Amino acid sequence: MSVEAVRAPEPAVLRERGAGFATLTLNRPEQRNALGEGLLAALQEAFAELAHDASVHAVILAARGPAFCAGHDLREMRAHADRVWQAQLFRRCADLMLQIARFPVPVIARVHGMATAAGCQLVATCDLALAGRSARFATPGIDIGLFCTTPMVALTRAIQPKHALAMLFTGQPIDAEEAARIGLVNRCVPDADLDAETEVLARALAQKSRAVLTRGKRAFQRQRDLDLERAYAEACEVMASDALTTEASEGIAAFLEKRRPRWP
C-alpha cells in the first residue's frame, strides 16, 4: 500500500528579492489573508530579518488571492473568548504596525481587492501605497458591534479626521480613487499596471542612499506629533547633523559635478 506524501504547508509570507528592494506577500488567500496569529508572527519575523539587510532600500507589502487583507481572523477570535488572549492578539497586531512604522526604510503597500479593518490599518501604516482601480477600503467593525479602534490609530494619522470618522462610523467601503483623493493611498492605477507601477516606485527608492532614507523616515516620524515650533527645532538639528555626513558630501559633490551619486 502506497503512502501518499504529506504536502508541507506553504509559508504564510512569501519573500522575493529585487535589485535593492524586497517583496513580502501575504500568502493565506483562502482566508483572505486575515491577520491571524500565524500570519502576524510570520510578518514580524520577515520584517525583523529585512531590517538588518543593508542591501534593502525599500519593501513592497503585497498579497495573494482575491483580497489584500480582510482584517483579523474572526473565526479565530471567536474560538478564544477570553480577555487575555484577545489582548495579546491586538497587542501583537499593534507591535507589527509599530515595527512597520519604525522599519528603517520605506514600506510600500501594493493593494488589490479588499483591505478591511486591520487590513485597512496595514495600508494606512505603510509609508507609501499604490492601489489597483478595483481595490476597496473599509473599517466595518461598527457593523459587527466591534468598533475599529485599533485601525483608527493608523487611519487618523494617514487621513483627515472627518474622512476617517466617516469610514469608522458608517463602515461603508470607499473605492481606490476616493482613497487616493483623501490620501489613504498615493495613487490609483489600472489593475493590470499595479505590479509594474509599484516596482517602478521601489526601484526609484533603491537608487537612494539607505542611510538617508533611514534618517529621513525617522525624522518624519518624530516631528509629525510635535507642535510647529518644536518640529522646526528638531528638523534644524537633524539637518545640521545630516549636512556633515558622507552621504551629503557625496550627494552635493555629484550634483555640482553633474553625475549620479556613488552612495557609500
Protein backbone atom coordinates (compact mmCIF):
# COMPACT_ATOMS: atom_id res chain seq x y z
CA MET A 1 0.00 0.00 0.00
CA SER A 2 1.50 3.31 -1.06
CA VAL A 3 1.64 6.12 1.44
CA GLU A 4 0.69 9.46 -0.05
CA ALA A 5 3.31 12.09 0.66
CA VAL A 6 2.26 14.71 3.15
CA ARG A 7 2.38 18.08 1.49
CA ALA A 8 4.19 20.71 3.53
CA PRO A 9 2.11 23.82 4.20
CA GLU A 10 3.03 26.88 2.19
CA PRO A 11 4.70 29.70 4.13
CA ALA A 12 2.34 32.35 5.46
CA VAL A 13 4.52 35.06 3.91
CA LEU A 14 6.35 34.70 0.59
CA ARG A 15 9.67 36.52 0.20
CA GLU A 16 11.20 37.78 -3.04
CA ARG A 17 14.20 39.93 -3.76
CA GLY A 18 14.61 42.59 -6.41
CA ALA A 19 17.53 44.90 -7.13
CA GLY A 20 17.70 46.95 -3.96
CA PHE A 21 14.24 46.06 -2.64
CA ALA A 22 12.30 43.11 -1.24
CA THR A 23 8.70 41.96 -1.60
CA LEU A 24 6.73 40.32 1.21
CA THR A 25 3.49 38.69 0.04
CA LEU A 26 0.68 37.67 2.37
CA ASN A 27 0.00 34.04 1.45
CA ARG A 28 -3.24 32.97 3.06
CA PRO A 29 -5.57 33.57 0.09
CA GLU A 30 -8.26 31.14 1.29
CA GLN A 31 -8.63 33.20 4.48
CA ARG A 32 -8.48 36.46 2.51
CA ASN A 33 -5.11 36.99 4.23
CA ALA A 34 -6.79 37.60 7.58
CA LEU A 35 -4.31 38.57 10.27
CA GLY A 36 -4.44 35.51 12.47
CA GLU A 37 -1.72 34.65 14.95
CA GLY A 38 0.32 32.71 12.38
CA LEU A 39 0.33 35.41 9.72
CA LEU A 40 1.13 38.13 12.25
CA ALA A 41 4.08 36.12 13.56
CA ALA A 42 5.36 35.42 10.04
CA LEU A 43 5.20 39.11 9.09
CA GLN A 44 7.02 40.15 12.25
CA GLU A 45 9.76 37.62 11.58
CA ALA A 46 10.14 38.70 7.94
CA PHE A 47 10.36 42.42 8.78
CA ALA A 48 12.82 41.72 11.61
CA GLU A 49 15.15 39.89 9.23
CA LEU A 50 14.96 42.51 6.48
CA ALA A 51 15.60 45.36 8.92
CA HIS A 52 19.24 44.30 9.18
CA ASP A 53 19.80 43.78 5.43
CA ALA A 54 21.82 46.72 4.15
CA SER A 55 21.01 45.83 0.52
CA VAL A 56 17.28 46.51 1.03
CA HIS A 57 16.26 50.12 0.41
CA ALA A 58 12.50 49.52 0.25
CA VAL A 59 9.96 46.77 0.93
CA ILE A 60 6.79 46.07 -1.05
CA LEU A 61 3.96 44.55 1.00
CA ALA A 62 1.64 42.62 -1.30
CA ALA A 63 -0.90 39.79 -1.12
CA ARG A 64 -2.08 36.70 -3.00
CA GLY A 65 -5.67 35.85 -3.74
CA PRO A 66 -8.83 37.92 -4.23
CA ALA A 67 -8.24 40.27 -1.28
CA PHE A 68 -5.33 42.23 0.11
CA CYS A 69 -6.30 41.64 3.74
CA ALA A 70 -9.65 41.02 5.43
CA GLY A 71 -8.55 42.25 8.85
CA HIS A 72 -8.45 39.97 11.87
CA ASP A 73 -9.50 36.33 11.65
CA LEU A 74 -12.98 36.48 13.20
CA ARG A 75 -13.27 32.68 13.47
CA GLU A 76 -10.01 32.55 15.41
CA MET A 77 -11.18 35.40 17.64
CA ARG A 78 -14.49 33.67 18.33
CA ALA A 79 -12.70 30.46 19.29
CA HIS A 80 -10.72 32.28 22.02
CA ALA A 81 -13.33 34.04 24.10
CA ASP A 82 -11.08 35.20 26.91
CA ARG A 83 -9.72 38.67 27.52
CA VAL A 84 -6.07 37.68 27.93
CA TRP A 85 -5.95 36.02 24.50
CA GLN A 86 -7.82 38.92 22.86
CA ALA A 87 -5.46 41.48 24.43
CA GLN A 88 -2.43 39.51 23.26
CA LEU A 89 -3.80 39.37 19.70
CA PHE A 90 -4.38 43.11 19.47
CA ARG A 91 -1.03 43.81 21.14
CA ARG A 92 0.74 41.61 18.58
CA CYS A 93 -1.03 43.40 15.73
CA ALA A 94 -0.10 46.78 17.23
CA ASP A 95 3.50 45.59 17.57
CA LEU A 96 3.54 44.73 13.84
CA MET A 97 2.22 48.21 12.96
CA LEU A 98 4.89 49.82 15.15
CA GLN A 99 7.51 47.57 13.55
CA ILE A 100 6.50 48.84 10.09
CA ALA A 101 6.43 52.47 11.26
CA ARG A 102 9.92 52.05 12.74
CA PHE A 103 11.27 49.95 9.89
CA PRO A 104 14.47 51.61 8.67
CA VAL A 105 13.40 52.07 5.03
CA PRO A 106 10.09 52.84 3.26
CA VAL A 107 7.40 50.16 3.14
CA ILE A 108 5.06 50.30 0.12
CA ALA A 109 1.62 48.67 0.21
CA ARG A 110 0.57 47.17 -3.15
CA VAL A 111 -3.17 46.89 -2.72
CA HIS A 112 -5.68 44.91 -4.75
CA GLY A 113 -9.16 43.73 -3.80
CA MET A 114 -10.48 44.49 -0.32
CA ALA A 115 -8.47 45.93 2.55
CA THR A 116 -10.78 45.94 5.54
CA ALA A 117 -10.43 46.71 9.27
CA ALA A 118 -6.88 45.68 10.30
CA GLY A 119 -6.15 45.27 6.57
CA CYS A 120 -7.01 48.93 6.06
CA GLN A 121 -4.88 49.66 9.14
CA LEU A 122 -1.99 47.88 7.44
CA VAL A 123 -2.31 50.11 4.36
CA ALA A 124 -2.55 53.27 6.48
CA THR A 125 0.56 52.22 8.43
CA CYS A 126 2.76 51.70 5.35
CA ASP A 127 4.79 54.73 4.32
CA LEU A 128 3.52 54.65 0.73
CA ALA A 129 0.69 52.82 -1.02
CA LEU A 130 -0.46 52.15 -4.57
CA ALA A 131 -3.88 50.67 -5.27
CA GLY A 132 -5.37 48.94 -8.26
CA ARG A 133 -8.52 50.59 -9.55
CA SER A 134 -10.71 47.73 -8.27
CA ALA A 135 -9.36 47.98 -4.69
CA ARG A 136 -11.73 48.84 -1.86
CA PHE A 137 -11.05 50.05 1.69
CA ALA A 138 -13.29 49.84 4.76
CA THR A 139 -13.32 49.86 8.56
CA PRO A 140 -16.59 47.93 9.03
CA GLY A 141 -16.24 46.94 12.69
CA ILE A 142 -19.25 49.12 13.51
CA ASP A 143 -21.43 46.62 11.62
CA ILE A 144 -20.45 43.66 13.83
CA GLY A 145 -20.56 45.52 17.14
CA LEU A 146 -16.78 45.94 17.35
CA PHE A 147 -15.67 49.49 16.56
CA CYS A 148 -12.39 49.57 14.61
CA THR A 149 -10.49 51.20 17.47
CA THR A 150 -7.01 49.90 16.66
CA PRO A 151 -7.34 50.54 12.88
CA MET A 152 -8.47 54.05 13.89
CA VAL A 153 -4.99 54.82 15.26
CA ALA A 154 -3.30 54.38 11.88
CA LEU A 155 -6.23 55.77 9.88
CA THR A 156 -6.35 59.08 11.79
CA ARG A 157 -2.63 59.55 11.21
CA ALA A 158 -2.94 58.94 7.48
CA ILE A 159 -6.03 60.98 6.58
CA GLN A 160 -8.01 63.94 7.88
CA PRO A 161 -10.35 63.32 10.87
CA LYS A 162 -13.66 63.78 9.06
CA HIS A 163 -12.69 61.31 6.33
CA ALA A 164 -11.55 58.83 8.98
CA LEU A 165 -14.70 59.25 11.06
CA ALA A 166 -16.92 58.76 8.01
CA MET A 167 -15.22 55.40 7.38
CA LEU A 168 -15.29 54.41 11.07
CA PHE A 169 -18.88 55.46 11.81
CA THR A 170 -20.51 54.10 8.65
CA GLY A 171 -18.34 51.08 7.87
CA GLN A 172 -19.01 51.76 4.20
CA PRO A 173 -16.19 50.94 1.74
CA ILE A 174 -14.51 53.55 -0.38
CA ASP A 175 -13.02 52.87 -3.80
CA ALA A 176 -9.41 53.32 -4.84
CA GLU A 177 -9.96 56.70 -6.46
CA GLU A 178 -11.53 58.05 -3.27
CA ALA A 179 -8.71 56.50 -1.23
CA ALA A 180 -6.21 58.41 -3.38
CA ARG A 181 -8.23 61.63 -3.13
CA ILE A 182 -8.23 61.60 0.68
CA GLY A 183 -4.60 60.45 0.95
CA LEU A 184 -5.03 56.88 2.19
CA VAL A 185 -3.02 55.76 -0.86
CA ASN A 186 -0.62 57.71 -3.06
CA ARG A 187 -2.08 56.70 -6.40
CA CYS A 188 -4.78 54.63 -8.02
CA VAL A 189 -3.61 52.79 -11.15
CA PRO A 190 -5.18 50.31 -13.57
CA ASP A 191 -5.22 46.81 -12.08
CA ALA A 192 -3.08 45.48 -14.92
CA ASP A 193 -0.38 48.07 -14.14
CA LEU A 194 -0.32 47.72 -10.35
CA ASP A 195 2.63 45.33 -10.05
CA ALA A 196 4.77 47.21 -12.58
CA GLU A 197 3.99 50.65 -11.15
CA THR A 198 4.80 49.51 -7.62
CA GLU A 199 8.13 48.10 -8.80
CA VAL A 200 8.93 51.39 -10.55
CA LEU A 201 8.48 53.15 -7.21
CA ALA A 202 10.55 50.54 -5.35
CA ARG A 203 13.34 50.75 -7.92
CA ALA A 204 13.37 54.55 -7.59
CA LEU A 205 13.85 54.20 -3.83
CA ALA A 206 16.53 51.57 -4.40
CA GLN A 207 18.63 54.28 -6.09
CA LYS A 208 18.63 56.40 -2.94
CA SER A 209 21.05 56.13 -0.05
CA ARG A 210 19.70 53.67 2.53
CA ALA A 211 21.25 55.72 5.34
CA VAL A 212 19.49 58.89 4.15
CA LEU A 213 16.18 57.06 3.74
CA THR A 214 16.51 55.73 7.27
CA ARG A 215 17.33 59.11 8.79
CA GLY A 216 14.57 60.79 6.82
CA LYS A 217 11.90 58.30 7.85
CA ARG A 218 12.97 58.52 11.49
CA ALA A 219 12.86 62.33 11.41
CA PHE A 220 9.43 62.32 9.75
CA GLN A 221 8.02 60.03 12.43
CA ARG A 222 9.46 62.16 15.25
CA GLN A 223 8.37 65.60 14.05
CA ARG A 224 4.79 64.96 12.99
CA ASP A 225 3.49 64.71 16.56
CA LEU A 226 5.30 67.87 17.71
CA ASP A 227 3.95 71.40 17.67
CA LEU A 228 5.22 73.63 14.86
CA GLU A 229 8.00 75.35 16.82
CA ARG A 230 9.38 72.09 18.27
CA ALA A 231 9.09 70.39 14.88
CA TYR A 232 11.25 73.08 13.25
CA ALA A 233 13.76 72.96 16.12
CA GLU A 234 14.04 69.19 15.75
CA ALA A 235 14.29 69.41 11.95
CA CYS A 236 17.04 72.05 12.11
CA GLU A 237 19.16 69.87 14.40
CA VAL A 238 18.69 66.86 12.14
CA MET A 239 19.57 68.84 9.01
CA ALA A 240 22.69 70.30 10.62
CA SER A 241 23.91 66.83 11.57
CA ASP A 242 22.97 65.28 8.24
CA ALA A 243 24.76 68.02 6.28
CA LEU A 244 28.06 66.73 7.66
CA THR A 245 27.55 63.07 6.73
CA THR A 246 29.42 61.24 3.99
CA GLU A 247 26.13 60.77 2.12
CA ALA A 248 25.53 64.53 1.98
CA SER A 249 29.13 65.18 0.95
CA GLU A 250 28.86 62.69 -1.92
CA GLY A 251 25.37 63.83 -2.94
CA ILE A 252 26.31 67.51 -3.12
CA ALA A 253 29.51 66.72 -4.99
CA ALA A 254 27.61 64.59 -7.51
CA PHE A 255 25.04 67.36 -8.04
CA LEU A 256 27.70 70.01 -8.63
CA GLU A 257 29.69 67.68 -10.89
CA LYS A 258 26.53 66.70 -12.80
CA ARG A 259 26.89 62.95 -12.23
CA ARG A 260 25.00 60.23 -10.42
CA PRO A 261 25.97 59.85 -6.74
CA ARG A 262 28.00 56.86 -5.62
CA TRP A 263 26.45 56.18 -2.23
CA PRO A 264 28.79 54.81 0.43
